[in-house]
Amino acid sequence: MSLKIDHITKKFGNFTALDDISLEIRDGEFLAILGPSGCGKTTLLRIIGGFEAPTEGSILKDGEIFSSQNENVPVEKRNLGMVFQSFALWPHMTVREHVEFPLNSKRCTMTEDEKRKAVDQAIEAVGLSTMEKRYPGELSGGQKQRVAIARALANDPKVLLCDEATSALDPQTTGAILQLLKHLNEKLGITIVIITHEMAVVKEICDRVAVMEHGNVVEEGDVYSIFAAPKAGITRDFI
């Protein structure tokens, strides 16, 4: 599934968070959106995910309107998974209950057997098969993020959106989560978009990178080219 971000602008009152952004998300790639805090990268991800509507412009999925000021495909029909920076786990729910949660919607058309199989596969994919009865308070930070990733995988998404998915983790755990995401990208063919302000994340696992500053995409390209010959000042600062 490919997405085309076509001249997206987002305003909050008089503040312009995104200013005429155009960007392509290619099928099967691992794309990083890199930039400092406040540059608009999380706002862009929320628009892609359906949590915000653009003020102007549109997003096209495989050539058809996916999101615009007047037309929005509902979140549950977008075939996207979202992984949040803060894990977004409930203390009273087990690992399995968290992964089951998105499948309990009335809009879910799976049979009970299909749901059970999807949950089993998602938990196994992130390496938590022996921990499905544990609660968040019994898990490490890395394990909590694996739960969040499994929950996002339960609906068999074509695109996985990760908002600063490793910023709350220590370096060793960060490396393990990044390798898990890369494995999911390569093994399952899921397109992954990760929001980050860490150049090491980009260098280790991503195919392409889009660099943002002040609500604009100032530079984009394959990771090797961006590292070898950065053009924008903000990119040179990161490197």
C-alpha atoms as a PDB file:
ATOM      1  CA  MET A   1       0.000   0.000   0.000  1.00  0.00           C
ATOM      2  CA  SER A   2       1.510   3.325  -1.061  1.00  0.00           C
ATOM      3  CA  LEU A   3       0.481   6.716   0.296  1.00  0.00           C
ATOM      4  CA  LYS A   4       0.941  10.092  -1.356  1.00  0.00           C
ATOM      5  CA  ILE A   5       0.867  13.161   0.864  1.00  0.00           C
ATOM      6  CA  ASP A   6      -0.246  15.909  -1.496  1.00  0.00           C
ATOM      7  CA  HIS A   7       0.241  19.556  -0.425  1.00  0.00           C
ATOM      8  CA  ILE A   8      -0.892  19.006   3.172  1.00  0.00           C
ATOM      9  CA  THR A   9      -1.291  22.092   5.370  1.00  0.00           C
ATOM     10  CA  LYS A  10      -2.476  21.979   8.973  1.00  0.00           C
ATOM     11  CA  LYS A  11      -3.379  25.065  10.985  1.00  0.00           C
ATOM     12  CA  PHE A  12      -4.352  25.381  14.628  1.00  0.00           C
ATOM     13  CA  GLY A  13      -5.895  28.850  14.790  1.00  0.00           C
ATOM     14  CA  ASN A  14      -3.203  31.257  13.564  1.00  0.00           C
ATOM     15  CA  PHE A  15      -0.431  28.688  13.983  1.00  0.00           C
ATOM     16  CA  THR A  16       0.654  26.716  10.919  1.00  0.00           C
ATOM     17  CA  ALA A  17       1.919  23.317  12.083  1.00  0.00           C
ATOM     18  CA  LEU A  18       2.374  21.906   8.566  1.00  0.00           C
ATOM     19  CA  ASP A  19       3.002  24.101   5.539  1.00  0.00           C
ATOM     20  CA  ASP A  20       2.275  22.622   2.089  1.00  0.00           C
ATOM     21  CA  ILE A  21       3.934  19.225   2.637  1.00  0.00           C
ATOM     22  CA  SER A  22       4.202  16.703  -0.195  1.00  0.00           C
ATOM     23  CA  LEU A  23       5.769  13.294   0.434  1.00  0.00           C
ATOM     24  CA  GLU A  24       5.463   9.766  -0.903  1.00  0.00           C
ATOM     25  CA  ILE A  25       5.377   6.700   1.345  1.00  0.00           C
ATOM     26  CA  ARG A  26       6.316   3.740  -0.830  1.00  0.00           C
ATOM     27  CA  ASP A  27       4.930   0.252  -0.482  1.00  0.00           C
ATOM     28  CA  GLY A  28       7.130  -1.950   1.722  1.00  0.00           C
ATOM     29  CA  GLU A  29       9.693   0.684   2.678  1.00  0.00           C
ATOM     30  CA  PHE A  30      11.017   1.738   6.086  1.00  0.00           C
ATOM     31  CA  LEU A  31      10.731   5.536   6.147  1.00  0.00           C
ATOM     32  CA  ALA A  32      11.991   7.825   8.898  1.00  0.00           C
ATOM     33  CA  ILE A  33      10.566  11.291   9.414  1.00  0.00           C
ATOM     34  CA  LEU A  34      13.354  13.119  11.215  1.00  0.00           C
ATOM     35  CA  GLY A  35      13.262  16.485  12.879  1.00  0.00           C
ATOM     36  CA  PRO A  36      13.572  18.453  16.130  1.00  0.00           C
ATOM     37  CA  SER A  37      10.749  18.746  18.640  1.00  0.00           C
ATOM     38  CA  GLY A  38       7.986  21.037  17.423  1.00  0.00           C
ATOM     39  CA  CYS A  39       8.767  20.661  13.712  1.00  0.00           C
ATOM     40  CA  GLY A  40       5.357  19.107  12.927  1.00  0.00           C
ATOM     41  CA  LYS A  41       6.329  15.470  12.451  1.00  0.00           C
ATOM     42  CA  THR A  42       3.857  14.060  15.001  1.00  0.00           C
ATOM     43  CA  THR A  43       1.070  16.217  13.552  1.00  0.00           C
ATOM     44  CA  LEU A  44       1.830  14.757  10.138  1.00  0.00           C
ATOM     45  CA  LEU A  45       1.704  11.223  11.531  1.00  0.00           C
ATOM     46  CA  ARG A  46      -1.635  11.927  13.232  1.00  0.00           C
ATOM     47  CA  ILE A  47      -3.087  13.144   9.937  1.00  0.00           C
ATOM     48  CA  ILE A  48      -1.875  10.005   8.163  1.00  0.00           C
ATOM     49  CA  GLY A  49      -3.366   7.907  10.970  1.00  0.00           C
ATOM     50  CA  GLY A  50      -6.727   9.675  10.837  1.00  0.00           C
ATOM     51  CA  PHE A  51      -6.553  11.347  14.250  1.00  0.00           C
ATOM     52  CA  GLU A  52      -6.447  14.823  12.677  1.00  0.00           C
ATOM     53  CA  ALA A  53      -7.888  16.193   9.427  1.00  0.00           C
ATOM     54  CA  PRO A  54      -5.746  18.427   7.201  1.00  0.00           C
ATOM     55  CA  THR A  55      -6.702  22.062   6.751  1.00  0.00           C
ATOM     56  CA  GLU A  56      -5.690  21.883   3.096  1.00  0.00           C
ATOM     57  CA  GLY A  57      -4.415  19.192   0.749  1.00  0.00           C
ATOM     58  CA  SER A  58      -5.065  15.469   0.729  1.00  0.00           C
ATOM     59  CA  ILE A  59      -3.570  12.022   1.200  1.00  0.00           C
ATOM     60  CA  LEU A  60      -4.052   9.431  -1.513  1.00  0.00           C
ATOM     61  CA  LYS A  61      -3.923   5.670  -0.951  1.00  0.00           C
ATOM     62  CA  ASP A  62      -3.018   3.782  -4.113  1.00  0.00           C
ATOM     63  CA  GLY A  63      -4.243   6.783  -6.088  1.00  0.00           C
ATOM     64  CA  GLU A  64      -7.598   7.269  -4.287  1.00  0.00           C
ATOM     65  CA  ILE A  65      -8.498   9.980  -1.762  1.00  0.00           C
ATOM     66  CA  PHE A  66      -7.675   8.740   1.727  1.00  0.00           C
ATOM     67  CA  SER A  67      -7.841  11.946   3.721  1.00  0.00           C
ATOM     68  CA  SER A  68      -8.706  15.566   2.956  1.00  0.00           C
ATOM     69  CA  GLN A  69     -10.423  18.540   4.537  1.00  0.00           C
ATOM     70  CA  ASN A  70     -13.834  17.259   3.440  1.00  0.00           C
ATOM     71  CA  GLU A  71     -13.323  13.509   3.129  1.00  0.00           C
ATOM     72  CA  ASN A  72     -11.775  11.193   5.701  1.00  0.00           C
ATOM     73  CA  VAL A  73     -11.614   7.404   5.667  1.00  0.00           C
ATOM     74  CA  PRO A  74     -12.435   6.313   9.275  1.00  0.00           C
ATOM     75  CA  VAL A  75      -9.465   5.204  11.386  1.00  0.00           C
ATOM     76  CA  GLU A  76     -10.714   1.613  11.588  1.00  0.00           C
ATOM     77  CA  LYS A  77     -10.859   1.360   7.771  1.00  0.00           C
ATOM     78  CA  ARG A  78      -7.416   2.777   7.037  1.00  0.00           C
ATOM     79  CA  ASN A  79      -5.515  -0.510   7.321  1.00  0.00           C
ATOM     80  CA  LEU A  80      -2.930   1.216   9.505  1.00  0.00           C
ATOM     81  CA  GLY A  81      -1.423   0.349  12.878  1.00  0.00           C
ATOM     82  CA  MET A  82      -0.235   2.989  15.357  1.00  0.00           C
ATOM     83  CA  VAL A  83       2.510   2.627  17.977  1.00  0.00           C
ATOM     84  CA  PHE A  84       2.620   5.465  20.502  1.00  0.00           C
ATOM     85  CA  GLN A  85       5.623   6.920  22.335  1.00  0.00           C
ATOM     86  CA  SER A  86       4.045   6.392  25.766  1.00  0.00           C
ATOM     87  CA  PHE A  87       2.974   2.749  25.089  1.00  0.00           C
ATOM     88  CA  ALA A  88      -0.692   3.680  25.870  1.00  0.00           C
ATOM     89  CA  LEU A  89      -1.327   0.567  27.985  1.00  0.00           C
ATOM     90  CA  TRP A  90      -4.030   0.112  30.637  1.00  0.00           C
ATOM     91  CA  PRO A  91      -2.807  -1.206  34.028  1.00  0.00           C
ATOM     92  CA  HIS A  92      -5.828  -3.505  34.525  1.00  0.00           C
ATOM     93  CA  MET A  93      -5.440  -5.367  31.206  1.00  0.00           C
ATOM     94  CA  THR A  94      -3.136  -8.294  30.449  1.00  0.00           C
ATOM     95  CA  VAL A  95      -0.840  -8.499  27.442  1.00  0.00           C
ATOM     96  CA  ARG A  96      -3.391 -10.659  25.615  1.00  0.00           C
ATOM     97  CA  GLU A  97      -6.294  -8.345  26.464  1.00  0.00           C
ATOM     98  CA  HIS A  98      -4.378  -5.383  25.039  1.00  0.00           C
ATOM     99  CA  VAL A  99      -3.730  -7.193  21.764  1.00  0.00           C
ATOM    100  CA  GLU A 100      -7.361  -8.360  21.576  1.00  0.00           C
ATOM    101  CA  PHE A 101      -8.699  -4.859  22.198  1.00  0.00           C
ATOM    102  CA  PRO A 102      -8.756  -3.529  18.585  1.00  0.00           C
ATOM    103  CA  LEU A 103     -10.521  -6.721  17.455  1.00  0.00           C
ATOM    104  CA  ASN A 104     -13.406  -6.253  19.902  1.00  0.00           C
ATOM    105  CA  SER A 105     -14.941  -3.426  17.890  1.00  0.00           C
ATOM    106  CA  LYS A 106     -18.410  -4.050  16.463  1.00  0.00           C
ATOM    107  CA  ARG A 107     -16.914  -3.155  13.090  1.00  0.00           C
ATOM    108  CA  CYS A 108     -14.523  -6.123  13.230  1.00  0.00           C
ATOM    109  CA  THR A 109     -15.789  -8.853  10.891  1.00  0.00           C
ATOM    110  CA  MET A 110     -13.479 -11.633  12.109  1.00  0.00           C
ATOM    111  CA  THR A 111     -14.902 -14.805  13.608  1.00  0.00           C
ATOM    112  CA  GLU A 112     -13.828 -15.714  17.150  1.00  0.00           C
ATOM    113  CA  ASP A 113     -11.411 -18.319  15.772  1.00  0.00           C
ATOM    114  CA  GLU A 114      -9.908 -15.762  13.399  1.00  0.00           C
ATOM    115  CA  LYS A 115      -9.503 -13.253  16.241  1.00  0.00           C
ATOM    116  CA  ARG A 116      -7.807 -15.840  18.438  1.00  0.00           C
ATOM    117  CA  LYS A 117      -5.405 -16.771  15.641  1.00  0.00           C
ATOM    118  CA  ALA A 118      -4.629 -13.106  14.870  1.00  0.00           C
ATOM    119  CA  VAL A 119      -3.871 -12.386  18.531  1.00  0.00           C
ATOM    120  CA  ASP A 120      -1.677 -15.500  18.834  1.00  0.00           C
ATOM    121  CA  GLN A 121       0.285 -14.509  15.729  1.00  0.00           C
ATOM    122  CA  ALA A 122       0.754 -10.894  16.854  1.00  0.00           C
ATOM    123  CA  ILE A 123       1.974 -11.910  20.319  1.00  0.00           C
ATOM    124  CA  GLU A 124       4.332 -14.496  18.821  1.00  0.00           C
ATOM    125  CA  ALA A 125       5.664 -11.976  16.283  1.00  0.00           C
ATOM    126  CA  VAL A 126       6.918  -9.706  19.072  1.00  0.00           C
ATOM    127  CA  GLY A 127       8.285 -12.531  21.244  1.00  0.00           C
ATOM    128  CA  LEU A 128       5.828 -12.353  24.151  1.00  0.00           C
ATOM    129  CA  SER A 129       4.147 -15.776  23.915  1.00  0.00           C
ATOM    130  CA  THR A 130       5.182 -16.662  27.480  1.00  0.00           C
ATOM    131  CA  MET A 131       3.964 -13.361  28.929  1.00  0.00           C
ATOM    132  CA  GLU A 132       0.415 -13.025  27.612  1.00  0.00           C
ATOM    133  CA  LYS A 133      -1.136 -13.192  31.100  1.00  0.00           C
ATOM    134  CA  ARG A 134       1.102 -10.504  32.596  1.00  0.00           C
ATOM    135  CA  TYR A 135      -0.001  -6.951  33.370  1.00  0.00           C
ATOM    136  CA  PRO A 136       1.912  -3.777  32.351  1.00  0.00           C
ATOM    137  CA  GLY A 137       3.239  -3.367  35.905  1.00  0.00           C
ATOM    138  CA  GLU A 138       5.047  -6.690  35.515  1.00  0.00           C
ATOM    139  CA  LEU A 139       6.768  -5.714  32.260  1.00  0.00           C
ATOM    140  CA  SER A 140       9.942  -3.809  31.355  1.00  0.00           C
ATOM    141  CA  GLY A 141       9.828  -0.771  29.086  1.00  0.00           C
ATOM    142  CA  GLY A 142      10.891  -2.826  26.099  1.00  0.00           C
ATOM    143  CA  GLN A 143       8.235  -5.465  26.796  1.00  0.00           C
ATOM    144  CA  LYS A 144       5.572  -2.752  27.084  1.00  0.00           C
ATOM    145  CA  GLN A 145       6.571  -1.426  23.672  1.00  0.00           C
ATOM    146  CA  ARG A 146       6.363  -4.957  22.264  1.00  0.00           C
ATOM    147  CA  VAL A 147       2.787  -5.156  23.575  1.00  0.00           C
ATOM    148  CA  ALA A 148       1.992  -1.871  21.837  1.00  0.00           C
ATOM    149  CA  ILE A 149       3.486  -3.192  18.595  1.00  0.00           C
ATOM    150  CA  ALA A 150       1.551  -6.475  18.885  1.00  0.00           C
ATOM    151  CA  ARG A 151      -1.688  -4.550  19.421  1.00  0.00           C
ATOM    152  CA  ALA A 152      -0.975  -2.535  16.283  1.00  0.00           C
ATOM    153  CA  LEU A 153      -0.303  -5.760  14.341  1.00  0.00           C
ATOM    154  CA  ALA A 154      -3.506  -7.524  15.381  1.00  0.00           C
ATOM    155  CA  ASN A 155      -5.558  -6.008  12.539  1.00  0.00           C
ATOM    156  CA  ASP A 156      -2.978  -7.082   9.943  1.00  0.00           C
ATOM    157  CA  PRO A 157      -2.087  -3.505   8.898  1.00  0.00           C
ATOM    158  CA  LYS A 158      -0.334  -2.673   5.651  1.00  0.00           C
ATOM    159  CA  VAL A 159       1.353   0.378   7.219  1.00  0.00           C
ATOM    160  CA  LEU A 160       2.731   0.717  10.760  1.00  0.00           C
ATOM    161  CA  LEU A 161       3.075   4.256  12.125  1.00  0.00           C
ATOM    162  CA  CYS A 162       5.544   4.653  15.020  1.00  0.00           C
ATOM    163  CA  ASP A 163       5.609   7.912  16.975  1.00  0.00           C
ATOM    164  CA  GLU A 164       8.988   8.162  18.739  1.00  0.00           C
ATOM    165  CA  ALA A 165       8.668   4.445  19.496  1.00  0.00           C
ATOM    166  CA  THR A 166      12.107   4.182  21.135  1.00  0.00           C
ATOM    167  CA  SER A 167      12.578   7.557  22.837  1.00  0.00           C
ATOM    168  CA  ALA A 168      11.466   6.253  26.268  1.00  0.00           C
ATOM    169  CA  LEU A 169      13.817   3.254  26.158  1.00  0.00           C
ATOM    170  CA  ASP A 170      17.450   2.718  27.145  1.00  0.00           C
ATOM    171  CA  PRO A 171      20.007   2.202  24.332  1.00  0.00           C
ATOM    172  CA  GLN A 172      20.122  -1.597  24.575  1.00  0.00           C
ATOM    173  CA  THR A 173      16.339  -1.930  24.571  1.00  0.00           C
ATOM    174  CA  THR A 174      16.101   0.609  21.742  1.00  0.00           C
ATOM    175  CA  GLY A 175      18.360  -1.587  19.620  1.00  0.00           C
ATOM    176  CA  ALA A 176      16.181  -4.644  20.266  1.00  0.00           C
ATOM    177  CA  ILE A 177      12.964  -2.801  19.356  1.00  0.00           C
ATOM    178  CA  LEU A 178      14.519  -1.390  16.187  1.00  0.00           C
ATOM    179  CA  GLN A 179      15.617  -4.858  15.111  1.00  0.00           C
ATOM    180  CA  LEU A 180      12.103  -6.147  15.800  1.00  0.00           C
ATOM    181  CA  LEU A 181      10.605  -3.416  13.610  1.00  0.00           C
ATOM    182  CA  LYS A 182      13.096  -4.145  10.837  1.00  0.00           C
ATOM    183  CA  HIS A 183      12.256  -7.854  11.078  1.00  0.00           C
ATOM    184  CA  LEU A 184       8.523  -7.078  10.739  1.00  0.00           C
ATOM    185  CA  ASN A 185       9.251  -4.834   7.767  1.00  0.00           C
ATOM    186  CA  GLU A 186      11.288  -7.485   5.976  1.00  0.00           C
ATOM    187  CA  LYS A 187       9.404 -10.646   6.986  1.00  0.00           C
ATOM    188  CA  LEU A 188       5.807  -9.396   6.811  1.00  0.00           C
ATOM    189  CA  GLY A 189       6.314  -6.730   4.154  1.00  0.00           C
ATOM    190  CA  ILE A 190       4.731  -4.049   6.335  1.00  0.00           C
ATOM    191  CA  THR A 191       5.475  -0.466   5.353  1.00  0.00           C
ATOM    192  CA  ILE A 192       6.839   1.301   8.435  1.00  0.00           C
ATOM    193  CA  VAL A 193       6.964   5.045   9.089  1.00  0.00           C
ATOM    194  CA  ILE A 194       8.887   6.026  12.210  1.00  0.00           C
ATOM    195  CA  ILE A 195       8.986   9.508  13.725  1.00  0.00           C
ATOM    196  CA  THR A 196      12.273  10.272  15.422  1.00  0.00           C
ATOM    197  CA  HIS A 197      14.782  12.933  16.379  1.00  0.00           C
ATOM    198  CA  GLU A 198      17.597  10.389  16.679  1.00  0.00           C
ATOM    199  CA  MET A 199      19.940  10.042  13.706  1.00  0.00           C
ATOM    200  CA  ALA A 200      21.181   6.678  14.987  1.00  0.00           C
ATOM    201  CA  VAL A 201      17.680   5.236  14.497  1.00  0.00           C
ATOM    202  CA  VAL A 202      17.666   6.390  10.877  1.00  0.00           C
ATOM    203  CA  LYS A 203      21.127   5.074  10.148  1.00  0.00           C
ATOM    204  CA  GLU A 204      20.524   1.646  11.666  1.00  0.00           C
ATOM    205  CA  ILE A 205      17.303   0.458  10.067  1.00  0.00           C
ATOM    206  CA  CYS A 206      15.669   2.882   7.621  1.00  0.00           C
ATOM    207  CA  ASP A 207      15.610   2.882   3.812  1.00  0.00           C
ATOM    208  CA  ARG A 208      14.670   6.527   3.285  1.00  0.00           C
ATOM    209  CA  VAL A 209      14.448   9.642   5.399  1.00  0.00           C
ATOM    210  CA  ALA A 210      12.434  12.853   5.192  1.00  0.00           C
ATOM    211  CA  VAL A 211      13.840  15.726   7.249  1.00  0.00           C
ATOM    212  CA  MET A 212      11.402  18.277   8.678  1.00  0.00           C
ATOM    213  CA  GLU A 213      11.892  21.779  10.035  1.00  0.00           C
ATOM    214  CA  HIS A 214       9.312  24.446  10.918  1.00  0.00           C
ATOM    215  CA  GLY A 215       6.437  22.480   9.408  1.00  0.00           C
ATOM    216  CA  ASN A 216       8.191  21.769   6.123  1.00  0.00           C
ATOM    217  CA  VAL A 217       9.978  18.805   4.564  1.00  0.00           C
ATOM    218  CA  VAL A 218      13.349  20.381   3.788  1.00  0.00           C
ATOM    219  CA  GLU A 219      15.113  17.301   2.442  1.00  0.00           C
ATOM    220  CA  GLU A 220      14.379  13.676   1.588  1.00  0.00           C
ATOM    221  CA  GLY A 221      16.170  10.760   0.003  1.00  0.00           C
ATOM    222  CA  ASP A 222      17.717   7.362   0.642  1.00  0.00           C
ATOM    223  CA  VAL A 223      19.640   7.135   3.892  1.00  0.00           C
ATOM    224  CA  TYR A 224      23.058   6.682   2.280  1.00  0.00           C
ATOM    225  CA  SER A 225      22.683   9.785   0.095  1.00  0.00           C
ATOM    226  CA  ILE A 226      21.438  11.932   2.962  1.00  0.00           C
ATOM    227  CA  PHE A 227      24.339  10.875   5.191  1.00  0.00           C
ATOM    228  CA  ALA A 228      26.916  11.274   2.419  1.00  0.00           C
ATOM    229  CA  ALA A 229      25.798  14.688   1.177  1.00  0.00           C
ATOM    230  CA  PRO A 230      23.262  16.455   3.385  1.00  0.00           C
ATOM    231  CA  LYS A 231      21.931  19.637   1.794  1.00  0.00           C
ATOM    232  CA  ALA A 232      19.812  21.291   4.490  1.00  0.00           C
ATOM    233  CA  GLY A 233      21.422  22.923   7.498  1.00  0.00           C
ATOM    234  CA  ILE A 234      19.177  21.050   9.943  1.00  0.00           C
ATOM    235  CA  THR A 235      20.256  17.729   8.392  1.00  0.00           C
ATOM    236  CA  ARG A 236      23.925  18.628   8.743  1.00  0.00           C
ATOM    237  CA  ASP A 237      23.267  19.528  12.382  1.00  0.00           C
ATOM    238  CA  PHE A 238      21.725  16.104  13.040  1.00  0.00           C
ATOM    239  CA  ILE A 239      24.574  14.266  11.334  1.00  0.00           C
END
